[in-house]
């Protein structure tokens, strides 16, 4: 990754980090070089990273799995307290399945933390790549995603929006969704 890529990645991580709670079992979808996992590792119960290009590894605290979520990795229901997917959703072609799999994998009260770029980012990143200032990882896989689809997509999957914010001059978006706890039955 080039310097601009690393700076943008660090900014995304800073936006997401406050939403990862102490004691969480974290699933980081698109973990790439595991920077997010390493940054929050000490406060987590455990972390699993999934990415198509990661080198698999496992220790008593962190597991890295090569593949795609949910296609190659379908965890047991309720396996995680938090799922992060930073700059990932725009690369997913089956987004409804992705949102549903997130819902299944989380405990009630669990969170999905996403960053999603605005579609205007593509030509900007293309220019940065042409100038050799950024690598623009998998830019061709953005599938024409419109950030406005994010909230309805996750609400249809059963999530409640907790936080939405714009950053990076409005070209990137943070979304935090929570899986509601079931209503308690009355006696």
N, C-alpha and C. Protein backbone atom coordinates (compact mmCIF):
# COMPACT_ATOMS: atom_id res chain seq x y z
N UNK A 1 0.84 -1.18 0.00
CA UNK A 1 0.00 0.00 0.00
C UNK A 1 0.89 1.24 0.00
N UNK A 2 0.42 2.24 -0.68
CA UNK A 2 1.16 3.50 -0.73
C UNK A 2 0.74 4.39 0.43
N UNK A 3 1.45 5.47 0.62
CA UNK A 3 1.22 6.36 1.74
C UNK A 3 -0.23 6.88 1.79
N UNK A 4 -0.78 7.31 0.65
CA UNK A 4 -2.15 7.83 0.64
C UNK A 4 -3.13 6.73 1.05
N UNK A 5 -2.93 5.51 0.56
CA UNK A 5 -3.79 4.39 0.95
C UNK A 5 -3.74 4.18 2.47
N UNK A 6 -2.55 4.21 3.03
CA UNK A 6 -2.39 4.00 4.48
C UNK A 6 -3.03 5.12 5.30
N UNK A 7 -2.91 6.36 4.83
CA UNK A 7 -3.52 7.49 5.53
C UNK A 7 -5.05 7.36 5.53
N UNK A 8 -5.62 7.00 4.39
CA UNK A 8 -7.07 6.83 4.29
C UNK A 8 -7.54 5.65 5.14
N UNK A 9 -6.76 4.57 5.14
CA UNK A 9 -7.09 3.40 5.97
C UNK A 9 -7.07 3.79 7.46
N UNK A 10 -6.03 4.53 7.88
CA UNK A 10 -5.92 4.94 9.28
C UNK A 10 -7.10 5.82 9.68
N UNK A 11 -7.56 6.66 8.79
CA UNK A 11 -8.70 7.53 9.07
C UNK A 11 -9.97 6.70 9.26
N UNK A 12 -10.17 5.71 8.37
CA UNK A 12 -11.33 4.83 8.50
C UNK A 12 -11.29 4.09 9.84
N UNK A 13 -10.14 3.60 10.22
CA UNK A 13 -9.99 2.87 11.48
C UNK A 13 -10.30 3.79 12.66
N UNK A 14 -9.81 5.02 12.63
CA UNK A 14 -10.10 5.97 13.72
C UNK A 14 -11.60 6.22 13.85
N UNK A 15 -12.32 6.24 12.75
CA UNK A 15 -13.77 6.44 12.80
C UNK A 15 -14.48 5.22 13.39
N UNK A 16 -13.99 4.04 13.09
CA UNK A 16 -14.65 2.80 13.52
C UNK A 16 -14.28 2.39 14.93
N UNK A 17 -13.08 2.67 15.34
CA UNK A 17 -12.54 2.16 16.60
C UNK A 17 -13.41 2.44 17.83
N UNK A 18 -13.99 3.63 18.00
CA UNK A 18 -14.79 3.86 19.20
C UNK A 18 -16.03 2.97 19.31
N UNK A 19 -16.44 2.35 18.23
CA UNK A 19 -17.64 1.52 18.24
C UNK A 19 -17.35 0.07 18.55
N UNK A 20 -16.08 -0.27 18.73
CA UNK A 20 -15.67 -1.62 19.11
C UNK A 20 -15.49 -1.62 20.62
N UNK A 21 -16.29 -2.44 21.31
CA UNK A 21 -16.30 -2.41 22.77
C UNK A 21 -15.27 -3.36 23.38
N UNK A 22 -14.86 -3.03 24.59
CA UNK A 22 -13.98 -3.90 25.36
C UNK A 22 -14.70 -5.24 25.59
N UNK A 23 -13.98 -6.33 25.35
CA UNK A 23 -14.54 -7.67 25.53
C UNK A 23 -15.25 -8.21 24.32
N UNK A 24 -15.32 -7.44 23.23
CA UNK A 24 -16.00 -7.91 22.02
C UNK A 24 -15.27 -9.10 21.39
N UNK A 25 -16.08 -9.95 20.78
CA UNK A 25 -15.57 -10.95 19.84
C UNK A 25 -15.78 -10.31 18.48
N UNK A 26 -14.69 -9.95 17.82
CA UNK A 26 -14.72 -9.15 16.60
C UNK A 26 -14.55 -10.01 15.36
N UNK A 27 -15.38 -9.73 14.36
CA UNK A 27 -15.17 -10.27 13.01
C UNK A 27 -14.84 -9.07 12.13
N UNK A 28 -13.64 -9.05 11.57
CA UNK A 28 -13.22 -7.98 10.67
C UNK A 28 -13.25 -8.52 9.24
N UNK A 29 -14.27 -8.13 8.50
CA UNK A 29 -14.44 -8.58 7.11
C UNK A 29 -13.59 -7.66 6.23
N UNK A 30 -12.76 -8.26 5.40
CA UNK A 30 -11.84 -7.47 4.58
C UNK A 30 -10.66 -7.00 5.40
N UNK A 31 -10.16 -7.86 6.29
CA UNK A 31 -9.12 -7.48 7.25
C UNK A 31 -7.80 -7.12 6.60
N UNK A 32 -7.56 -7.52 5.38
CA UNK A 32 -6.37 -7.22 4.58
C UNK A 32 -5.08 -7.45 5.37
N UNK A 33 -4.48 -6.40 5.90
CA UNK A 33 -3.20 -6.52 6.60
C UNK A 33 -3.35 -6.49 8.12
N UNK A 34 -4.55 -6.71 8.59
CA UNK A 34 -4.94 -6.84 10.00
C UNK A 34 -4.61 -5.64 10.87
N UNK A 35 -4.49 -4.45 10.27
CA UNK A 35 -4.15 -3.25 11.02
C UNK A 35 -5.22 -2.95 12.08
N UNK A 36 -6.50 -3.03 11.70
CA UNK A 36 -7.57 -2.78 12.67
C UNK A 36 -7.51 -3.78 13.81
N UNK A 37 -7.37 -5.05 13.50
CA UNK A 37 -7.31 -6.07 14.54
C UNK A 37 -6.15 -5.80 15.49
N UNK A 38 -4.99 -5.50 14.96
CA UNK A 38 -3.83 -5.25 15.81
C UNK A 38 -4.01 -4.01 16.68
N UNK A 39 -4.71 -3.03 16.15
CA UNK A 39 -4.92 -1.78 16.90
C UNK A 39 -5.84 -1.99 18.11
N UNK A 40 -6.84 -2.87 18.00
CA UNK A 40 -7.81 -3.04 19.10
C UNK A 40 -7.65 -4.38 19.82
N UNK A 41 -6.69 -5.16 19.43
CA UNK A 41 -6.53 -6.54 19.92
C UNK A 41 -6.52 -6.66 21.44
N UNK A 42 -5.84 -5.79 22.13
CA UNK A 42 -5.69 -5.91 23.58
C UNK A 42 -7.00 -5.80 24.34
N UNK A 43 -7.98 -5.13 23.76
CA UNK A 43 -9.24 -4.99 24.49
C UNK A 43 -10.31 -5.99 24.04
N UNK A 44 -9.99 -6.85 23.09
CA UNK A 44 -10.94 -7.82 22.56
C UNK A 44 -10.85 -9.15 23.29
N UNK A 45 -11.96 -9.85 23.33
CA UNK A 45 -11.95 -11.24 23.80
C UNK A 45 -11.29 -12.11 22.74
N UNK A 46 -11.66 -11.84 21.47
CA UNK A 46 -11.06 -12.58 20.36
C UNK A 46 -11.32 -11.80 19.08
N UNK A 47 -10.57 -12.14 18.04
CA UNK A 47 -10.76 -11.50 16.73
C UNK A 47 -10.59 -12.53 15.64
N UNK A 48 -11.48 -12.43 14.65
CA UNK A 48 -11.37 -13.24 13.44
C UNK A 48 -11.35 -12.27 12.28
N UNK A 49 -10.38 -12.43 11.40
CA UNK A 49 -10.30 -11.62 10.19
C UNK A 49 -10.52 -12.50 8.98
N UNK A 50 -11.30 -12.00 8.03
CA UNK A 50 -11.58 -12.73 6.80
C UNK A 50 -11.23 -11.82 5.63
N UNK A 51 -10.46 -12.35 4.69
CA UNK A 51 -10.09 -11.58 3.51
C UNK A 51 -9.64 -12.56 2.43
N UNK A 52 -9.91 -12.21 1.19
CA UNK A 52 -9.57 -13.09 0.07
C UNK A 52 -8.06 -13.19 -0.14
N UNK A 53 -7.29 -12.24 0.38
CA UNK A 53 -5.85 -12.26 0.13
C UNK A 53 -5.00 -12.42 1.39
N UNK A 54 -5.62 -12.66 2.53
CA UNK A 54 -4.86 -12.76 3.78
C UNK A 54 -4.15 -14.11 3.88
N UNK A 55 -3.02 -14.13 4.55
CA UNK A 55 -2.33 -15.38 4.85
C UNK A 55 -2.96 -15.95 6.11
N UNK A 56 -3.53 -17.16 6.03
CA UNK A 56 -4.18 -17.73 7.22
C UNK A 56 -3.19 -17.89 8.38
N UNK A 57 -3.68 -17.59 9.57
CA UNK A 57 -2.89 -17.81 10.79
C UNK A 57 -3.86 -17.91 11.95
N UNK A 58 -3.35 -18.46 13.05
CA UNK A 58 -4.22 -18.67 14.21
C UNK A 58 -3.34 -18.69 15.46
N UNK A 59 -3.75 -17.93 16.47
CA UNK A 59 -3.15 -18.06 17.79
C UNK A 59 -4.30 -18.09 18.79
N UNK A 60 -4.01 -17.95 20.06
CA UNK A 60 -5.08 -18.08 21.04
C UNK A 60 -6.03 -16.89 21.07
N UNK A 61 -5.73 -15.84 20.34
CA UNK A 61 -6.53 -14.62 20.39
C UNK A 61 -7.06 -14.17 19.02
N UNK A 62 -6.30 -14.47 17.96
CA UNK A 62 -6.64 -13.99 16.61
C UNK A 62 -6.59 -15.15 15.62
N UNK A 63 -7.62 -15.18 14.75
CA UNK A 63 -7.63 -16.14 13.65
C UNK A 63 -7.84 -15.35 12.36
N UNK A 64 -6.98 -15.59 11.37
CA UNK A 64 -7.14 -15.00 10.05
C UNK A 64 -7.52 -16.11 9.08
N UNK A 65 -8.58 -15.87 8.31
CA UNK A 65 -9.11 -16.87 7.39
C UNK A 65 -9.11 -16.30 5.98
N UNK A 66 -8.61 -17.07 5.05
CA UNK A 66 -8.65 -16.67 3.65
C UNK A 66 -10.02 -17.01 3.08
N UNK A 67 -10.62 -16.03 2.43
CA UNK A 67 -11.91 -16.27 1.80
C UNK A 67 -12.78 -15.04 1.86
N UNK A 68 -14.04 -15.26 1.55
CA UNK A 68 -15.02 -14.17 1.55
C UNK A 68 -16.12 -14.50 2.53
N UNK A 69 -16.65 -13.45 3.13
CA UNK A 69 -17.78 -13.58 4.04
C UNK A 69 -19.01 -13.09 3.31
N UNK A 70 -20.09 -13.84 3.28
CA UNK A 70 -20.35 -15.09 3.98
C UNK A 70 -20.07 -16.34 3.16
N UNK A 71 -19.68 -16.20 1.91
CA UNK A 71 -19.55 -17.37 1.04
C UNK A 71 -18.62 -18.45 1.55
N UNK A 72 -17.40 -18.06 1.94
CA UNK A 72 -16.41 -19.04 2.37
C UNK A 72 -16.39 -19.23 3.89
N UNK A 73 -16.99 -18.31 4.60
CA UNK A 73 -16.97 -18.37 6.07
C UNK A 73 -18.35 -18.01 6.60
N UNK A 74 -19.02 -19.02 7.14
CA UNK A 74 -20.35 -18.86 7.74
C UNK A 74 -20.25 -19.24 9.21
N UNK A 75 -20.05 -18.26 10.08
CA UNK A 75 -19.92 -18.60 11.50
C UNK A 75 -21.26 -19.06 12.08
N UNK A 76 -21.18 -19.70 13.22
CA UNK A 76 -22.38 -20.11 13.95
C UNK A 76 -23.17 -18.86 14.33
N UNK A 77 -24.49 -18.94 14.38
CA UNK A 77 -25.28 -17.78 14.81
C UNK A 77 -24.84 -17.29 16.18
N UNK A 78 -24.77 -15.96 16.32
CA UNK A 78 -24.40 -15.35 17.59
C UNK A 78 -22.94 -15.50 17.97
N UNK A 79 -22.07 -15.74 17.00
CA UNK A 79 -20.64 -15.95 17.29
C UNK A 79 -19.88 -14.66 17.60
N UNK A 80 -20.43 -13.51 17.20
CA UNK A 80 -19.68 -12.26 17.32
C UNK A 80 -20.50 -11.17 18.00
N UNK A 81 -19.78 -10.24 18.63
CA UNK A 81 -20.37 -9.06 19.25
C UNK A 81 -20.28 -7.85 18.34
N UNK A 82 -19.30 -7.86 17.45
CA UNK A 82 -19.07 -6.72 16.55
C UNK A 82 -18.50 -7.24 15.23
N UNK A 83 -19.01 -6.68 14.14
CA UNK A 83 -18.48 -6.97 12.80
C UNK A 83 -18.07 -5.64 12.20
N UNK A 84 -16.84 -5.57 11.72
CA UNK A 84 -16.37 -4.39 11.00
C UNK A 84 -16.17 -4.76 9.54
N UNK A 85 -16.50 -3.83 8.68
CA UNK A 85 -16.30 -3.98 7.23
C UNK A 85 -15.97 -2.59 6.70
N UNK A 86 -14.69 -2.24 6.74
CA UNK A 86 -14.25 -0.91 6.35
C UNK A 86 -13.83 -0.92 4.89
N UNK A 87 -14.52 -0.10 4.09
CA UNK A 87 -14.28 -0.04 2.65
C UNK A 87 -14.46 -1.42 2.01
N UNK A 88 -15.53 -2.11 2.39
CA UNK A 88 -15.81 -3.47 1.91
C UNK A 88 -17.14 -3.55 1.17
N UNK A 89 -18.19 -2.94 1.70
CA UNK A 89 -19.54 -3.14 1.17
C UNK A 89 -19.64 -2.84 -0.32
N UNK A 90 -18.93 -1.84 -0.79
CA UNK A 90 -18.98 -1.48 -2.21
C UNK A 90 -18.39 -2.57 -3.11
N UNK A 91 -17.64 -3.51 -2.53
CA UNK A 91 -17.04 -4.62 -3.29
C UNK A 91 -17.93 -5.86 -3.30
N UNK A 92 -18.99 -5.85 -2.51
CA UNK A 92 -19.85 -7.02 -2.36
C UNK A 92 -20.95 -6.97 -3.40
N UNK A 93 -21.11 -8.03 -4.17
CA UNK A 93 -22.16 -8.05 -5.18
C UNK A 93 -23.50 -8.51 -4.60
N UNK A 94 -23.49 -9.44 -3.65
CA UNK A 94 -24.72 -9.95 -3.03
C UNK A 94 -24.89 -9.28 -1.67
N UNK A 95 -25.21 -7.99 -1.69
CA UNK A 95 -25.25 -7.20 -0.46
C UNK A 95 -26.36 -7.62 0.50
N UNK A 96 -27.52 -8.02 0.00
CA UNK A 96 -28.60 -8.46 0.90
C UNK A 96 -28.17 -9.71 1.67
N UNK A 97 -27.49 -10.63 1.01
CA UNK A 97 -26.98 -11.83 1.68
C UNK A 97 -25.92 -11.46 2.71
N UNK A 98 -25.10 -10.48 2.37
CA UNK A 98 -24.06 -10.01 3.29
C UNK A 98 -24.70 -9.45 4.57
N UNK A 99 -25.69 -8.55 4.41
CA UNK A 99 -26.35 -7.95 5.57
C UNK A 99 -27.05 -9.02 6.41
N UNK A 100 -27.71 -9.97 5.77
CA UNK A 100 -28.40 -11.05 6.50
C UNK A 100 -27.39 -11.92 7.25
N UNK A 101 -26.24 -12.20 6.63
CA UNK A 101 -25.22 -13.00 7.30
C UNK A 101 -24.64 -12.26 8.50
N UNK A 102 -24.50 -10.95 8.39
CA UNK A 102 -24.05 -10.15 9.54
C UNK A 102 -25.05 -10.28 10.69
N UNK A 103 -26.33 -10.18 10.36
CA UNK A 103 -27.38 -10.29 11.38
C UNK A 103 -27.31 -11.66 12.07
N UNK A 104 -27.15 -12.71 11.29
CA UNK A 104 -27.08 -14.06 11.85
C UNK A 104 -25.85 -14.24 12.74
N UNK A 105 -24.73 -13.67 12.35
CA UNK A 105 -23.46 -13.89 13.06
C UNK A 105 -23.37 -13.12 14.38
N UNK A 106 -24.21 -12.10 14.56
CA UNK A 106 -24.13 -11.26 15.75
C UNK A 106 -25.05 -11.73 16.86
N UNK A 107 -24.64 -11.44 18.09
CA UNK A 107 -25.50 -11.61 19.26
C UNK A 107 -26.50 -10.46 19.27
N UNK A 108 -27.64 -10.60 19.95
CA UNK A 108 -28.51 -9.44 20.14
C UNK A 108 -27.74 -8.32 20.82
N UNK A 109 -27.90 -7.11 20.32
CA UNK A 109 -27.14 -5.97 20.82
C UNK A 109 -25.80 -5.80 20.14
N UNK A 110 -25.44 -6.74 19.26
CA UNK A 110 -24.19 -6.66 18.52
C UNK A 110 -24.25 -5.57 17.46
N UNK A 111 -23.08 -5.16 17.01
CA UNK A 111 -22.97 -4.04 16.07
C UNK A 111 -22.26 -4.41 14.78
N UNK A 112 -22.70 -3.78 13.71
CA UNK A 112 -21.97 -3.79 12.44
C UNK A 112 -21.45 -2.38 12.24
N UNK A 113 -20.16 -2.25 12.02
CA UNK A 113 -19.52 -0.96 11.80
C UNK A 113 -18.97 -0.96 10.38
N UNK A 114 -19.49 -0.04 9.56
CA UNK A 114 -19.13 0.02 8.14
C UNK A 114 -18.56 1.39 7.80
N UNK A 115 -17.62 1.41 6.88
CA UNK A 115 -17.31 2.65 6.17
C UNK A 115 -17.57 2.38 4.70
N UNK A 116 -18.21 3.34 4.06
CA UNK A 116 -18.61 3.19 2.66
C UNK A 116 -18.29 4.49 1.93
N UNK A 117 -17.50 4.43 0.86
CA UNK A 117 -17.18 5.66 0.14
C UNK A 117 -18.34 6.11 -0.75
N UNK A 118 -18.38 7.40 -0.98
CA UNK A 118 -19.33 7.96 -1.94
C UNK A 118 -18.86 7.55 -3.34
N UNK A 119 -19.77 7.44 -4.28
CA UNK A 119 -19.38 7.00 -5.62
C UNK A 119 -18.45 7.99 -6.30
N UNK A 120 -18.41 9.25 -5.84
CA UNK A 120 -17.49 10.24 -6.41
C UNK A 120 -16.03 9.91 -6.09
N UNK A 121 -15.81 8.98 -5.15
CA UNK A 121 -14.45 8.61 -4.78
C UNK A 121 -13.75 7.87 -5.93
N UNK A 122 -14.50 7.10 -6.71
CA UNK A 122 -13.88 6.29 -7.76
C UNK A 122 -13.02 7.13 -8.72
N UNK A 123 -13.52 8.22 -9.30
CA UNK A 123 -12.65 8.99 -10.19
C UNK A 123 -11.48 9.67 -9.47
N UNK A 124 -11.69 10.02 -8.20
CA UNK A 124 -10.59 10.63 -7.44
C UNK A 124 -9.48 9.61 -7.21
N UNK A 125 -9.87 8.42 -6.78
CA UNK A 125 -8.88 7.36 -6.56
C UNK A 125 -8.23 6.98 -7.89
N UNK A 126 -9.01 6.95 -8.97
CA UNK A 126 -8.44 6.67 -10.29
C UNK A 126 -7.35 7.66 -10.65
N UNK A 127 -7.57 8.92 -10.34
CA UNK A 127 -6.54 9.95 -10.61
C UNK A 127 -5.33 9.75 -9.71
N UNK A 128 -5.55 9.41 -8.44
CA UNK A 128 -4.43 9.16 -7.53
C UNK A 128 -3.61 7.95 -7.99
N UNK A 129 -4.28 6.93 -8.51
CA UNK A 129 -3.59 5.76 -9.04
C UNK A 129 -2.76 6.16 -10.27
N UNK A 130 -3.35 6.94 -11.16
CA UNK A 130 -2.63 7.38 -12.36
C UNK A 130 -1.39 8.19 -11.99
N UNK A 131 -1.47 8.94 -10.91
CA UNK A 131 -0.32 9.73 -10.44
C UNK A 131 0.62 8.91 -9.56
N UNK A 132 0.30 7.63 -9.37
CA UNK A 132 1.07 6.70 -8.53
C UNK A 132 1.15 7.14 -7.08
N UNK A 133 0.08 7.77 -6.61
CA UNK A 133 0.01 8.20 -5.22
C UNK A 133 -0.80 7.21 -4.37
N UNK A 134 -1.57 6.34 -5.03
CA UNK A 134 -2.39 5.35 -4.34
C UNK A 134 -2.45 4.09 -5.20
N UNK A 135 -2.73 2.97 -4.55
CA UNK A 135 -2.89 1.71 -5.28
C UNK A 135 -4.32 1.50 -5.74
N UNK A 136 -5.29 2.09 -5.03
CA UNK A 136 -6.69 1.95 -5.43
C UNK A 136 -7.14 0.52 -5.48
N UNK A 137 -6.89 -0.20 -4.40
CA UNK A 137 -7.13 -1.64 -4.34
C UNK A 137 -8.52 -2.02 -4.81
N UNK A 138 -8.58 -2.85 -5.82
CA UNK A 138 -9.82 -3.45 -6.33
C UNK A 138 -10.89 -2.42 -6.69
N UNK A 139 -10.48 -1.29 -7.20
CA UNK A 139 -11.41 -0.23 -7.58
C UNK A 139 -12.42 -0.73 -8.61
N UNK A 140 -12.00 -1.67 -9.45
CA UNK A 140 -12.89 -2.21 -10.49
C UNK A 140 -14.02 -3.04 -9.91
N UNK A 141 -13.97 -3.37 -8.62
CA UNK A 141 -14.99 -4.21 -7.99
C UNK A 141 -16.04 -3.42 -7.22
N UNK A 142 -16.17 -2.14 -7.46
CA UNK A 142 -17.11 -1.35 -6.67
C UNK A 142 -18.57 -1.59 -7.05
N UNK A 143 -18.84 -2.26 -8.12
CA UNK A 143 -20.19 -2.68 -8.50
C UNK A 143 -21.20 -1.53 -8.53
N UNK A 144 -20.74 -0.29 -8.76
CA UNK A 144 -21.65 0.84 -8.88
C UNK A 144 -22.48 1.10 -7.64
N UNK A 145 -21.95 0.84 -6.48
CA UNK A 145 -22.71 0.96 -5.24
C UNK A 145 -23.03 2.42 -4.91
N UNK A 146 -24.28 2.66 -4.55
CA UNK A 146 -24.73 3.98 -4.12
C UNK A 146 -24.86 3.94 -2.60
N UNK A 147 -24.10 4.79 -1.92
CA UNK A 147 -24.07 4.81 -0.45
C UNK A 147 -25.46 4.99 0.15
N UNK A 148 -26.38 5.60 -0.58
CA UNK A 148 -27.75 5.79 -0.07
C UNK A 148 -28.49 4.47 0.12
N UNK A 149 -28.01 3.39 -0.47
CA UNK A 149 -28.62 2.08 -0.31
C UNK A 149 -28.27 1.42 1.03
N UNK A 150 -27.28 1.94 1.73
CA UNK A 150 -26.75 1.27 2.92
C UNK A 150 -27.79 1.12 4.03
N UNK A 151 -28.43 2.22 4.42
CA UNK A 151 -29.37 2.15 5.54
C UNK A 151 -30.56 1.23 5.23
N UNK A 152 -31.25 1.39 4.09
CA UNK A 152 -32.36 0.48 3.81
C UNK A 152 -31.93 -0.99 3.73
N UNK A 153 -30.75 -1.24 3.20
CA UNK A 153 -30.23 -2.60 3.08
C UNK A 153 -30.11 -3.27 4.45
N UNK A 154 -29.52 -2.57 5.41
CA UNK A 154 -29.32 -3.16 6.73
C UNK A 154 -30.59 -3.13 7.56
N UNK A 155 -31.45 -2.15 7.36
CA UNK A 155 -32.73 -2.16 8.06
C UNK A 155 -33.59 -3.33 7.61
N UNK A 156 -33.59 -3.65 6.32
CA UNK A 156 -34.34 -4.82 5.82
C UNK A 156 -33.82 -6.12 6.43
N UNK A 157 -32.53 -6.13 6.77
CA UNK A 157 -31.94 -7.33 7.38
C UNK A 157 -32.24 -7.42 8.87
N UNK A 158 -32.90 -6.40 9.43
CA UNK A 158 -33.29 -6.45 10.83
C UNK A 158 -32.47 -5.57 11.76
N UNK A 159 -31.62 -4.72 11.21
CA UNK A 159 -30.78 -3.85 12.03
C UNK A 159 -31.45 -2.51 12.28
N UNK A 160 -30.97 -1.83 13.32
CA UNK A 160 -31.38 -0.47 13.64
C UNK A 160 -30.14 0.42 13.50
N UNK A 161 -30.28 1.52 12.79
CA UNK A 161 -29.18 2.47 12.62
C UNK A 161 -28.90 3.17 13.94
N UNK A 162 -27.64 3.11 14.38
CA UNK A 162 -27.21 3.76 15.61
C UNK A 162 -26.50 5.07 15.32
N UNK A 163 -25.69 5.08 14.26
CA UNK A 163 -24.89 6.27 13.94
C UNK A 163 -24.61 6.31 12.46
N UNK A 164 -24.70 7.50 11.89
CA UNK A 164 -24.28 7.74 10.51
C UNK A 164 -23.53 9.06 10.52
N UNK A 165 -22.37 9.07 9.89
CA UNK A 165 -21.56 10.28 9.84
C UNK A 165 -20.75 10.29 8.55
N UNK A 166 -20.47 11.49 8.07
CA UNK A 166 -19.61 11.65 6.90
C UNK A 166 -18.23 12.10 7.37
N UNK A 167 -17.22 11.68 6.64
CA UNK A 167 -15.84 12.10 6.94
C UNK A 167 -15.05 12.11 5.65
N UNK A 168 -13.77 12.43 5.74
CA UNK A 168 -12.91 12.58 4.56
C UNK A 168 -13.56 13.53 3.56
N UNK A 169 -13.85 14.74 4.03
CA UNK A 169 -14.45 15.80 3.22
C UNK A 169 -15.80 15.37 2.64
N UNK A 170 -16.52 14.53 3.35
CA UNK A 170 -17.82 14.07 2.91
C UNK A 170 -17.78 12.95 1.89
N UNK A 171 -16.59 12.47 1.54
CA UNK A 171 -16.46 11.43 0.53
C UNK A 171 -16.52 10.02 1.10
N UNK A 172 -16.56 9.91 2.41
CA UNK A 172 -16.68 8.60 3.03
C UNK A 172 -17.74 8.68 4.11
N UNK A 173 -18.34 7.54 4.42
CA UNK A 173 -19.44 7.49 5.38
C UNK A 173 -19.19 6.39 6.40
N UNK A 174 -19.50 6.70 7.65
CA UNK A 174 -19.49 5.71 8.72
C UNK A 174 -20.94 5.35 9.02
N UNK A 175 -21.21 4.07 9.13
CA UNK A 175 -22.52 3.58 9.55
C UNK A 175 -22.30 2.58 10.67
N UNK A 176 -23.10 2.72 11.73
CA UNK A 176 -23.09 1.76 12.82
C UNK A 176 -24.52 1.27 12.97
N UNK A 177 -24.69 -0.03 12.84
CA UNK A 177 -26.00 -0.67 12.97
C UNK A 177 -25.97 -1.60 14.17
N UNK A 178 -27.10 -1.72 14.84
CA UNK A 178 -27.20 -2.62 15.98
C UNK A 178 -28.29 -3.65 15.72
N UNK A 179 -28.00 -4.88 16.12
CA UNK A 179 -29.00 -5.94 16.07
C UNK A 179 -29.83 -5.82 17.34
N UNK A 180 -31.10 -5.48 17.22
CA UNK A 180 -31.92 -5.29 18.43
C UNK A 180 -32.02 -6.57 19.26
N UNK A 181 -32.07 -6.36 20.56
CA UNK A 181 -32.33 -7.49 21.45
C UNK A 181 -33.82 -7.81 21.36
N UNK A 182 -34.19 -9.08 21.47
CA UNK A 182 -35.63 -9.42 21.42
C UNK A 182 -36.38 -8.82 22.59
N UNK A 183 -37.62 -8.48 22.34
CA UNK A 183 -38.48 -7.96 23.40
C UNK A 183 -38.67 -9.05 24.44
N UNK A 184 -38.61 -8.66 25.70
CA UNK A 184 -38.85 -9.64 26.77
C UNK A 184 -40.34 -9.95 26.85
N UNK A 185 -40.60 -11.21 27.08
CA UNK A 185 -42.00 -11.61 27.23
C UNK A 185 -42.51 -11.18 28.59
N UNK A 186 -43.74 -10.72 28.62
CA UNK A 186 -44.34 -10.32 29.88
C UNK A 186 -44.94 -11.54 30.57
N UNK A 187 -44.85 -11.57 31.91
CA UNK A 187 -45.40 -12.74 32.65
C UNK A 187 -46.92 -12.79 32.57
